[in-house]
Amino acid sequence: MTTTMLQERPAPAVVGETGTPAAVRAHPAAVLAAIFAGAAASIILWWQGTPAIHGLGDWLTNAGRITGLLAGYGVVVLVALMARIPPLERGIGADHLARWHSKGGRYTVSLVVAHGLLIIWGYAVTAHTSVVSQTSTLLLSYPDVLAATVGGLLLVGVGISSARAARRRLRYETWYYLHFYTYLAVALSFSHQFATGAEFVDNLGARVLWGALYAGTAAAILWYRFLTPARQALRHRMRVLSVEPEGPDVVSVTIGGEHLEELGAESGQFFRFRFLCQGLWWTSSPYSLSAGPRPDRFRVTVKALGDHSRAVADLRPGTRVIAEGPYGAVTAAARRRRKVLLIGGGIGITPLRALFETIPAAPGDLTLVYRASHEADIVFADELRAIARRRGARLRFAVGRRAELGWDPLSAGALAANIPDLVDHDVYLCGPAGMTTAATEALRAAGVRRRQIHHESFEF
């Protein structure tokens, strides 16, 4: 193991990004409460419009109505979580939103399937017909049921593609574009809810509120995922200024533009960049800022891990760029303690390098631990040393495989022994999933509270 400890030196206090407008950040507990309140309201809507239930057919049909309402509400929530609404992205974080979306997606797909099966079964029992005959009747005779069925099957297909086993076999770009079918699925099923949903047929108020819920979500998608990037492209006129190698398969891309301070970007955040050149224009990928944002430029550092990131190394200066963002909640605003510990691994050092440069901290209150398997994997070594000297910060390189070292530099014991007052630190983590999971467990075992540990993942 190679460990470097830079002694504290007097240095001017470093101030975070200046000129950044106050950002609205949604609180996770408040958002979850709102989501569950909406689900409860959906059930109340069913309750108010339901007469007394008699017999098996009624019980099955009404179970189908409940699951249908919850499924209709669920797809709106799923889409809204991925609408890239800034208060959600800044307050909750892209990875937590993605986890909520993934978990909610499993529930919603299950509700869609249950709705279809329960309605068919309930109608068949009531009409004293077979399930096959009733299925045919519903598809061919009831308004918009066929379109809703196609939408439901599309939603199930998207859900299957998101399963972990399937996702591992898909390129990121393929998985990304498959999710656009969710919009088509929602559109196909929407009119069916008003045409045949007992809760809406004779209830104008319910139709207005339900329609407003869908319209508002559609407006958010249109504004934040399409119009805002187009407006930012025209306003900020971003272009690639330079592409510099940083190590094996790693490059830093400096992107210039106009009025970039208006975006309110902070160290620790990321943008979804779309490079307007052959082979890259059709998709966007998330890349973290690897240096503190400036009014006229951003820098990102990319490791070749897939088709898109590999092609970034071939970008030419002058290439136009569309950037969506900034996104991410792992910023200086998340801290709760005076002392800060940054733990990075591999290319996960990129957002931490920006935080190491800009997060407000007095000399001696800031520590960076950089974990790497080999010396060649270390990026920004000279820059990190310069920042540490300037800020009076501690810098440790922990290099080597655990099997070779015979111990784990990120174990609870090692962290407690090497970081004085570890429990009094806010800890920012970024690196491979295995490393961050193990480091989180080690920090918790060492007594660091969960709310003091900040982590954001970009794995899809």
Protein backbone atom coordinates (compact mmCIF):
# COMPACT_ATOMS: atom_id res chain seq x y z
CA MET A 1 0.00 0.00 0.00
CA THR A 2 1.21 3.48 -0.84
CA THR A 3 -0.01 6.15 1.54
CA THR A 4 0.72 9.83 1.20
CA MET A 5 -0.10 12.23 4.00
CA LEU A 6 0.41 15.91 3.31
CA GLN A 7 1.05 17.97 6.41
CA GLU A 8 -1.29 20.80 7.17
CA ARG A 9 -0.07 24.19 6.00
CA PRO A 10 -1.62 27.58 6.61
CA ALA A 11 -3.74 28.57 3.66
CA PRO A 12 -6.50 31.04 2.93
CA ALA A 13 -10.00 29.77 3.59
CA VAL A 14 -11.57 28.49 0.41
CA VAL A 15 -15.00 29.79 -0.41
CA GLY A 16 -17.45 27.68 -2.40
CA GLU A 17 -18.88 28.66 -5.75
CA THR A 18 -19.83 32.31 -5.82
CA GLY A 19 -22.74 33.80 -7.66
CA THR A 20 -24.72 30.59 -7.36
CA PRO A 21 -28.43 31.31 -6.89
CA ALA A 22 -30.19 29.67 -3.96
CA ALA A 23 -31.52 26.34 -5.17
CA VAL A 24 -34.85 24.87 -4.09
CA ARG A 25 -34.35 21.35 -2.77
CA ALA A 26 -37.20 18.98 -2.11
CA HIS A 27 -37.01 17.00 1.13
CA PRO A 28 -37.17 13.21 0.55
CA ALA A 29 -39.61 12.63 3.44
CA ALA A 30 -41.97 15.32 2.11
CA VAL A 31 -41.91 13.85 -1.39
CA LEU A 32 -42.60 10.33 -0.12
CA ALA A 33 -45.44 11.65 2.05
CA ALA A 34 -46.97 13.35 -1.00
CA ILE A 35 -46.69 10.15 -3.05
CA PHE A 36 -48.40 8.04 -0.39
CA ALA A 37 -51.05 10.72 0.11
CA GLY A 38 -51.84 10.53 -3.60
CA ALA A 39 -52.18 6.74 -3.39
CA ALA A 40 -54.53 7.11 -0.42
CA ALA A 41 -56.59 9.67 -2.34
CA SER A 42 -56.91 7.18 -5.23
CA ILE A 43 -58.34 4.57 -2.87
CA ILE A 44 -60.72 7.16 -1.36
CA LEU A 45 -61.89 7.96 -4.89
CA TRP A 46 -62.81 4.30 -5.34
CA TRP A 47 -64.48 4.14 -1.91
CA GLN A 48 -66.71 7.16 -2.53
CA GLY A 49 -67.97 5.87 -5.87
CA THR A 50 -68.57 2.27 -4.87
CA PRO A 51 -71.97 0.96 -3.74
CA ALA A 52 -72.36 -2.12 -1.56
CA ILE A 53 -70.38 -5.13 -2.82
CA HIS A 54 -72.17 -8.47 -3.19
CA GLY A 55 -70.82 -11.75 -4.42
CA LEU A 56 -67.50 -12.99 -5.76
CA GLY A 57 -67.86 -11.18 -9.07
CA ASP A 58 -68.24 -7.81 -7.34
CA TRP A 59 -65.28 -8.45 -5.04
CA LEU A 60 -63.03 -9.39 -7.97
CA THR A 61 -64.19 -6.50 -10.13
CA ASN A 62 -63.65 -3.94 -7.38
CA ALA A 63 -60.25 -5.37 -6.58
CA GLY A 64 -59.53 -4.81 -10.28
CA ARG A 65 -60.79 -1.22 -10.02
CA ILE A 66 -58.53 -0.50 -7.04
CA THR A 67 -55.45 -1.97 -8.72
CA GLY A 68 -56.33 -0.07 -11.90
CA LEU A 69 -56.57 3.26 -10.07
CA LEU A 70 -53.30 2.63 -8.24
CA ALA A 71 -51.63 1.57 -11.49
CA GLY A 72 -52.88 4.70 -13.25
CA TYR A 73 -51.56 6.82 -10.41
CA GLY A 74 -48.34 4.82 -10.22
CA VAL A 75 -47.32 5.42 -13.83
CA VAL A 76 -47.69 9.17 -13.31
CA VAL A 77 -45.43 9.02 -10.26
CA LEU A 78 -42.86 6.92 -12.16
CA VAL A 79 -42.74 9.41 -15.02
CA ALA A 80 -42.59 12.41 -12.68
CA LEU A 81 -39.63 10.92 -10.77
CA MET A 82 -37.67 10.76 -14.02
CA ALA A 83 -38.82 14.16 -15.34
CA ARG A 84 -35.56 15.72 -14.07
CA ILE A 85 -37.39 18.31 -12.02
CA PRO A 86 -34.60 20.39 -10.41
CA PRO A 87 -35.92 20.46 -6.79
CA LEU A 88 -36.17 16.65 -6.85
CA GLU A 89 -32.76 16.18 -8.47
CA ARG A 90 -31.05 18.58 -6.05
CA GLY A 91 -32.86 17.51 -2.90
CA ILE A 92 -33.08 13.75 -3.36
CA GLY A 93 -30.40 12.90 -5.90
CA ALA A 94 -30.49 11.08 -9.21
CA ASP A 95 -29.59 7.68 -7.76
CA HIS A 96 -32.26 7.77 -5.05
CA LEU A 97 -34.84 8.88 -7.59
CA ALA A 98 -33.77 6.01 -9.84
CA ARG A 99 -34.14 3.54 -6.96
CA TRP A 100 -37.59 4.87 -6.13
CA HIS A 101 -38.47 4.65 -9.82
CA SER A 102 -37.19 1.08 -10.04
CA LYS A 103 -39.01 -0.10 -6.92
CA GLY A 104 -42.17 1.76 -7.89
CA GLY A 105 -41.94 0.29 -11.38
CA ARG A 106 -42.08 -3.25 -10.01
CA TYR A 107 -45.18 -2.42 -7.98
CA THR A 108 -46.84 -0.59 -10.88
CA VAL A 109 -46.25 -3.36 -13.42
CA SER A 110 -47.65 -5.85 -10.89
CA LEU A 111 -50.70 -3.63 -10.41
CA VAL A 112 -51.23 -3.38 -14.19
CA VAL A 113 -51.15 -7.17 -14.56
CA ALA A 114 -53.37 -7.69 -11.50
CA HIS A 115 -55.86 -5.09 -12.79
CA GLY A 116 -56.29 -6.85 -16.11
CA LEU A 117 -56.62 -10.33 -14.62
CA LEU A 118 -59.01 -9.30 -11.82
CA ILE A 119 -61.30 -7.30 -14.12
CA ILE A 120 -61.54 -10.15 -16.62
CA TRP A 121 -62.16 -12.71 -13.89
CA GLY A 122 -64.71 -10.52 -12.09
CA TYR A 123 -66.67 -9.76 -15.27
CA ALA A 124 -66.59 -13.43 -16.26
CA VAL A 125 -67.99 -14.53 -12.89
CA THR A 126 -70.71 -11.87 -13.00
CA ALA A 127 -71.69 -12.69 -16.61
CA HIS A 128 -71.36 -16.46 -16.04
CA THR A 129 -69.00 -16.80 -19.02
CA SER A 130 -65.53 -18.19 -19.47
CA VAL A 131 -62.43 -16.07 -18.93
CA VAL A 132 -61.46 -16.50 -22.61
CA SER A 133 -64.88 -15.34 -23.82
CA GLN A 134 -64.88 -12.37 -21.45
CA THR A 135 -61.39 -11.38 -22.58
CA SER A 136 -62.57 -11.27 -26.18
CA THR A 137 -65.62 -9.22 -25.22
CA LEU A 138 -63.58 -6.66 -23.30
CA LEU A 139 -61.01 -6.25 -26.05
CA LEU A 140 -63.50 -5.92 -28.89
CA SER A 141 -66.54 -4.27 -27.31
CA TYR A 142 -65.37 -1.89 -24.59
CA PRO A 143 -64.06 1.57 -25.56
CA ASP A 144 -60.25 1.95 -25.59
CA VAL A 145 -59.61 -1.36 -23.82
CA LEU A 146 -57.58 -2.71 -26.74
CA ALA A 147 -55.35 0.39 -26.76
CA ALA A 148 -54.96 0.18 -22.97
CA THR A 149 -54.00 -3.50 -23.29
CA VAL A 150 -51.26 -2.61 -25.77
CA GLY A 151 -50.09 0.10 -23.37
CA GLY A 152 -50.07 -2.36 -20.49
CA LEU A 153 -48.01 -4.86 -22.49
CA LEU A 154 -45.54 -2.11 -23.40
CA LEU A 155 -45.21 -1.21 -19.73
CA VAL A 156 -44.61 -4.87 -18.83
CA GLY A 157 -41.96 -5.06 -21.56
CA VAL A 158 -40.17 -1.99 -20.21
CA GLY A 159 -40.34 -3.51 -16.74
CA ILE A 160 -38.76 -6.75 -17.96
CA SER A 161 -35.95 -4.83 -19.69
CA SER A 162 -35.23 -3.10 -16.37
CA ALA A 163 -34.83 -6.34 -14.43
CA ARG A 164 -31.27 -6.76 -13.25
CA ALA A 165 -30.63 -9.91 -15.32
CA ALA A 166 -31.89 -8.25 -18.51
CA ARG A 167 -30.18 -4.94 -17.82
CA ARG A 168 -26.77 -6.56 -17.64
CA ARG A 169 -27.18 -7.75 -21.22
CA LEU A 170 -28.26 -4.38 -22.61
CA ARG A 171 -26.13 -1.48 -23.70
CA TYR A 172 -26.93 1.69 -21.76
CA GLU A 173 -28.14 3.39 -24.94
CA THR A 174 -30.56 0.52 -25.74
CA TRP A 175 -31.95 0.49 -22.21
CA TYR A 176 -32.28 4.29 -22.26
CA TYR A 177 -34.34 4.39 -25.44
CA LEU A 178 -36.54 1.45 -24.49
CA HIS A 179 -37.81 3.56 -21.61
CA PHE A 180 -39.33 6.06 -24.03
CA TYR A 181 -42.01 3.44 -24.67
CA THR A 182 -43.30 4.28 -21.18
CA TYR A 183 -44.68 7.54 -22.58
CA LEU A 184 -46.52 5.66 -25.32
CA ALA A 185 -47.89 3.18 -22.78
CA VAL A 186 -49.26 6.00 -20.62
CA ALA A 187 -50.80 7.74 -23.62
CA LEU A 188 -52.52 4.55 -24.83
CA SER A 189 -54.03 3.78 -21.44
CA PHE A 190 -55.15 7.29 -20.45
CA SER A 191 -58.40 7.53 -22.42
CA HIS A 192 -59.42 4.03 -21.25
CA GLN A 193 -59.55 5.28 -17.67
CA PHE A 194 -62.14 7.92 -18.50
CA ALA A 195 -64.09 5.78 -20.96
CA THR A 196 -64.67 2.78 -18.70
CA GLY A 197 -63.51 3.77 -15.22
CA ALA A 198 -66.53 3.84 -12.90
CA GLU A 199 -64.82 6.48 -10.75
CA PHE A 200 -64.74 8.97 -13.63
CA VAL A 201 -67.79 8.33 -15.84
CA ASP A 202 -70.20 10.43 -13.72
CA ASN A 203 -67.69 12.42 -11.64
CA LEU A 204 -66.59 15.64 -13.36
CA GLY A 205 -64.41 16.73 -10.44
CA ALA A 206 -62.49 13.45 -10.46
CA ARG A 207 -61.97 13.71 -14.23
CA VAL A 208 -60.64 17.25 -13.89
CA LEU A 209 -58.23 16.39 -11.07
CA TRP A 210 -57.05 13.16 -12.70
CA GLY A 211 -56.60 14.90 -16.04
CA ALA A 212 -54.68 17.73 -14.35
CA LEU A 213 -52.36 15.17 -12.73
CA TYR A 214 -51.53 13.67 -16.12
CA ALA A 215 -51.34 17.05 -17.88
CA GLY A 216 -49.04 18.48 -15.21
CA THR A 217 -46.69 15.51 -15.46
CA ALA A 218 -46.68 15.73 -19.26
CA ALA A 219 -45.88 19.45 -19.01
CA ALA A 220 -42.98 18.73 -16.65
CA ILE A 221 -41.56 16.15 -19.06
CA LEU A 222 -41.91 18.51 -22.01
CA TRP A 223 -40.38 21.44 -20.13
CA TYR A 224 -37.50 19.85 -18.26
CA ARG A 225 -36.47 17.08 -20.67
CA PHE A 226 -36.97 18.82 -24.01
CA LEU A 227 -37.58 22.57 -23.91
CA THR A 228 -35.13 23.43 -21.12
CA PRO A 229 -32.14 21.69 -22.80
CA ALA A 230 -33.02 23.43 -26.08
CA ARG A 231 -33.29 26.80 -24.34
CA GLN A 232 -30.00 26.24 -22.51
CA ALA A 233 -28.30 25.27 -25.77
CA LEU A 234 -29.33 28.55 -27.38
CA ARG A 235 -28.52 30.63 -24.31
CA HIS A 236 -25.17 29.13 -23.30
CA ARG A 237 -23.73 28.02 -26.67
CA MET A 238 -21.50 25.34 -25.21
CA ARG A 239 -18.59 23.93 -27.19
CA VAL A 240 -15.70 21.59 -26.51
CA LEU A 241 -12.56 23.62 -25.80
CA SER A 242 -10.08 20.81 -25.25
CA VAL A 243 -9.68 17.08 -24.63
CA GLU A 244 -6.72 16.13 -22.46
CA PRO A 245 -5.54 12.62 -21.50
CA GLU A 246 -5.41 11.95 -17.75
CA GLY A 247 -4.44 8.28 -17.71
CA PRO A 248 -5.17 4.95 -19.40
CA ASP A 249 -8.58 5.33 -21.11
CA VAL A 250 -9.29 8.52 -19.15
CA VAL A 251 -9.68 12.01 -20.63
CA SER A 252 -10.76 15.40 -19.33
CA VAL A 253 -13.05 17.45 -21.53
CA THR A 254 -13.21 21.20 -20.98
CA ILE A 255 -16.46 22.74 -22.19
CA GLY A 256 -16.79 26.47 -22.69
CA GLY A 257 -19.92 28.56 -22.91
CA GLU A 258 -21.63 31.84 -22.14
CA HIS A 259 -23.34 32.84 -18.89
CA LEU A 260 -22.71 29.42 -17.35
CA GLU A 261 -23.02 30.86 -13.85
CA GLU A 262 -26.76 31.17 -14.51
CA LEU A 263 -27.03 27.38 -14.38
CA GLY A 264 -26.15 27.39 -10.68
CA ALA A 265 -23.88 24.36 -10.98
CA GLU A 266 -22.09 23.16 -7.84
CA SER A 267 -19.16 20.87 -7.24
CA GLY A 268 -20.40 17.31 -6.76
CA GLN A 269 -23.07 17.68 -9.44
CA PHE A 270 -23.28 16.29 -12.95
CA PHE A 271 -24.80 17.13 -16.32
CA ARG A 272 -26.20 14.90 -19.03
CA PHE A 273 -24.10 15.86 -22.01
CA ARG A 274 -25.07 15.43 -25.64
CA PHE A 275 -22.15 16.01 -28.01
CA LEU A 276 -23.39 17.07 -31.44
CA CYS A 277 -21.09 15.02 -33.61
CA GLN A 278 -21.33 11.78 -35.56
CA GLY A 279 -22.01 8.81 -33.34
CA LEU A 280 -22.80 10.82 -30.19
CA TRP A 281 -25.56 13.29 -31.04
CA TRP A 282 -28.41 10.81 -30.53
CA THR A 283 -27.84 10.08 -26.85
CA SER A 284 -26.87 11.87 -23.65
CA SER A 285 -24.81 10.48 -20.79
CA PRO A 286 -24.19 11.70 -17.23
CA TYR A 287 -20.72 13.01 -16.44
CA SER A 288 -19.68 14.70 -13.19
CA LEU A 289 -17.86 17.99 -12.97
CA SER A 290 -14.25 17.22 -12.14
CA ALA A 291 -13.31 20.81 -11.26
CA GLY A 292 -15.15 23.65 -9.62
CA PRO A 293 -17.52 25.29 -12.13
CA ARG A 294 -16.48 28.62 -13.61
CA PRO A 295 -18.58 31.31 -15.28
CA ASP A 296 -17.15 30.45 -18.70
CA ARG A 297 -16.31 26.74 -18.55
CA PHE A 298 -16.92 23.32 -17.05
CA ARG A 299 -14.61 20.32 -16.93
CA VAL A 300 -15.67 16.68 -16.90
CA THR A 301 -13.44 13.62 -16.78
CA VAL A 302 -14.51 10.44 -18.52
CA LYS A 303 -13.25 6.86 -18.40
CA ALA A 304 -13.90 4.59 -21.38
CA LEU A 305 -16.46 2.18 -19.95
CA GLY A 306 -18.90 1.95 -22.88
CA ASP A 307 -19.54 3.05 -26.44
CA HIS A 308 -20.41 6.63 -25.55
CA SER A 309 -17.63 7.24 -23.04
CA ARG A 310 -15.07 5.59 -25.34
CA ALA A 311 -16.01 7.92 -28.19
CA VAL A 312 -15.61 11.01 -25.98
CA ALA A 313 -11.83 10.71 -26.28
CA ASP A 314 -12.13 11.45 -30.02
CA LEU A 315 -14.04 14.70 -29.61
CA ARG A 316 -12.60 17.68 -31.42
CA PRO A 317 -12.42 21.24 -30.12
CA GLY A 318 -15.34 23.25 -31.41
CA THR A 319 -17.86 20.39 -31.14
CA ARG A 320 -21.18 21.81 -29.99
CA VAL A 321 -22.62 20.51 -26.72
CA ILE A 322 -26.10 20.36 -25.22
CA ALA A 323 -26.09 19.97 -21.45
CA GLU A 324 -29.06 19.00 -19.28
CA GLY A 325 -28.68 19.92 -15.66
CA PRO A 326 -27.12 20.45 -13.27
CA TYR A 327 -28.32 17.41 -11.32
CA GLY A 328 -27.24 15.75 -8.12
CA ALA A 329 -27.62 16.23 -4.38
CA VAL A 330 -24.09 15.33 -3.23
CA THR A 331 -22.94 18.93 -2.82
CA ALA A 332 -21.64 21.13 -0.02
CA ALA A 333 -25.27 21.81 0.90
CA ALA A 334 -25.62 18.21 2.14
CA ARG A 335 -23.02 18.54 4.90
CA ARG A 336 -23.97 18.69 8.58
CA ARG A 337 -20.58 18.73 10.32
CA ARG A 338 -17.59 21.05 10.25
CA LYS A 339 -15.14 18.30 9.23
CA VAL A 340 -15.37 16.58 5.85
CA LEU A 341 -13.98 13.25 4.63
CA LEU A 342 -14.02 12.43 0.91
CA ILE A 343 -13.52 8.77 -0.10
CA GLY A 344 -13.11 8.06 -3.80
CA GLY A 345 -12.28 5.00 -5.86
CA GLY A 346 -11.39 4.68 -9.53
CA ILE A 347 -13.03 7.24 -11.79
CA GLY A 348 -15.34 8.09 -8.87
CA ILE A 349 -12.67 10.61 -7.90
CA THR A 350 -14.10 13.09 -10.44
CA PRO A 351 -16.86 14.76 -8.37
CA LEU A 352 -14.75 14.45 -5.22
CA ARG A 353 -11.85 16.27 -6.89
CA ALA A 354 -14.24 19.20 -7.52
CA LEU A 355 -15.48 19.10 -3.92
CA PHE A 356 -11.89 18.86 -2.64
CA GLU A 357 -11.18 22.10 -4.47
CA THR A 358 -14.23 24.13 -3.45
CA ILE A 359 -16.08 22.81 -0.40
CA PRO A 360 -15.71 25.34 2.43
CA ALA A 361 -13.33 23.98 5.09
CA ALA A 362 -10.69 25.38 7.40
CA PRO A 363 -7.15 23.98 7.31
CA GLY A 364 -7.14 20.52 8.89
CA ASP A 365 -10.90 19.97 8.51
CA LEU A 366 -10.80 18.38 5.05
CA THR A 367 -9.46 14.91 4.17
CA LEU A 368 -9.45 12.98 0.89
CA VAL A 369 -8.80 9.23 0.75
CA TYR A 370 -8.24 7.96 -2.79
CA ARG A 371 -8.50 4.17 -3.20
CA ALA A 372 -6.96 2.51 -6.26
CA SER A 373 -5.85 -1.00 -7.16
CA HIS A 374 -2.77 0.18 -9.10
CA GLU A 375 -0.67 3.33 -9.29
CA ALA A 376 -1.65 3.69 -12.95
CA ASP A 377 -5.32 4.02 -11.93
CA ILE A 378 -4.73 7.23 -10.00
CA VAL A 379 -6.05 10.34 -11.76
CA PHE A 380 -5.31 13.98 -10.85
CA ALA A 381 -2.43 13.07 -8.52
CA ASP A 382 -0.56 16.36 -9.09
CA GLU A 383 -3.74 18.44 -8.96
CA LEU A 384 -4.82 16.81 -5.72
CA ARG A 385 -1.44 17.42 -4.11
CA ALA A 386 -1.55 21.07 -5.16
CA ILE A 387 -5.06 21.52 -3.77
CA ALA A 388 -4.07 19.83 -0.51
CA ARG A 389 -1.06 22.14 -0.11
CA ARG A 390 -3.11 25.23 -0.89
CA ARG A 391 -5.95 24.34 1.47
CA GLY A 392 -4.02 22.72 4.30
CA ALA A 393 -5.96 19.50 3.67
CA ARG A 394 -5.02 15.89 4.25
CA LEU A 395 -4.52 13.64 1.22
CA ARG A 396 -4.11 9.86 1.38
CA PHE A 397 -3.54 7.48 -1.51
CA ALA A 398 -4.46 3.91 -0.62
CA VAL A 399 -3.05 1.78 -3.44
CA GLY A 400 -3.03 -2.00 -3.84
CA ARG A 401 -5.40 -4.95 -3.89
CA ARG A 402 -6.61 -6.24 -0.55
CA ALA A 403 -5.23 -9.70 -1.32
CA GLU A 404 -1.79 -8.17 -1.85
CA LEU A 405 -1.99 -5.81 1.12
CA GLY A 406 -3.38 -8.38 3.54
CA TRP A 407 -5.83 -5.82 4.94
CA ASP A 408 -8.52 -3.41 3.83
CA PRO A 409 -7.62 0.32 3.86
CA LEU A 410 -11.35 1.17 3.98
CA SER A 411 -12.27 -1.14 6.86
CA ALA A 412 -13.85 0.32 9.98
CA GLY A 413 -10.64 -0.17 11.95
CA ALA A 414 -8.40 1.38 9.30
CA LEU A 415 -10.63 4.40 8.83
CA ALA A 416 -10.98 5.00 12.57
CA ALA A 417 -7.23 4.67 13.05
CA ASN A 418 -6.25 6.99 10.20
CA ILE A 419 -8.98 9.64 10.40
CA PRO A 420 -8.99 11.44 13.76
CA ASP A 421 -12.53 12.09 15.06
CA LEU A 422 -14.04 10.04 12.23
CA VAL A 423 -17.55 10.16 13.74
CA ASP A 424 -17.46 13.97 13.61
CA HIS A 425 -17.05 14.02 9.81
CA ASP A 426 -19.50 14.30 6.97
CA VAL A 427 -18.41 11.63 4.49
CA TYR A 428 -18.78 11.87 0.72
CA LEU A 429 -18.40 8.61 -1.21
CA CYS A 430 -18.00 7.97 -4.92
CA GLY A 431 -16.60 4.91 -6.66
CA PRO A 432 -17.45 1.39 -7.83
CA ALA A 433 -20.65 -0.01 -6.32
CA GLY A 434 -18.81 -2.70 -4.34
CA MET A 435 -16.41 -0.20 -2.84
CA THR A 436 -19.07 2.31 -1.82
CA THR A 437 -21.27 -0.39 -0.30
CA ALA A 438 -18.36 -1.81 1.71
CA ALA A 439 -17.19 1.67 2.75
CA THR A 440 -20.69 2.61 3.88
CA GLU A 441 -20.92 -0.51 6.03
CA ALA A 442 -17.46 0.19 7.46
CA LEU A 443 -18.36 3.78 8.30
CA ARG A 444 -21.57 2.68 9.99
CA ALA A 445 -19.64 0.07 11.98
CA ALA A 446 -17.19 2.80 13.03
CA GLY A 447 -20.06 4.88 14.42
CA VAL A 448 -20.69 7.37 11.61
CA ARG A 449 -24.39 8.17 11.36
CA ARG A 450 -26.15 7.32 8.13
CA ARG A 451 -27.29 10.92 7.62
CA GLN A 452 -23.63 11.98 7.59
CA ILE A 453 -22.81 9.66 4.66
CA HIS A 454 -23.48 11.09 1.19
CA HIS A 455 -23.31 8.98 -1.93
CA GLU A 456 -24.66 9.11 -5.45
CA SER A 457 -24.41 6.35 -8.06
CA PHE A 458 -24.73 6.62 -11.84
CA GLU A 459 -25.15 2.93 -12.56
CA PHE A 460 -28.22 2.12 -14.69
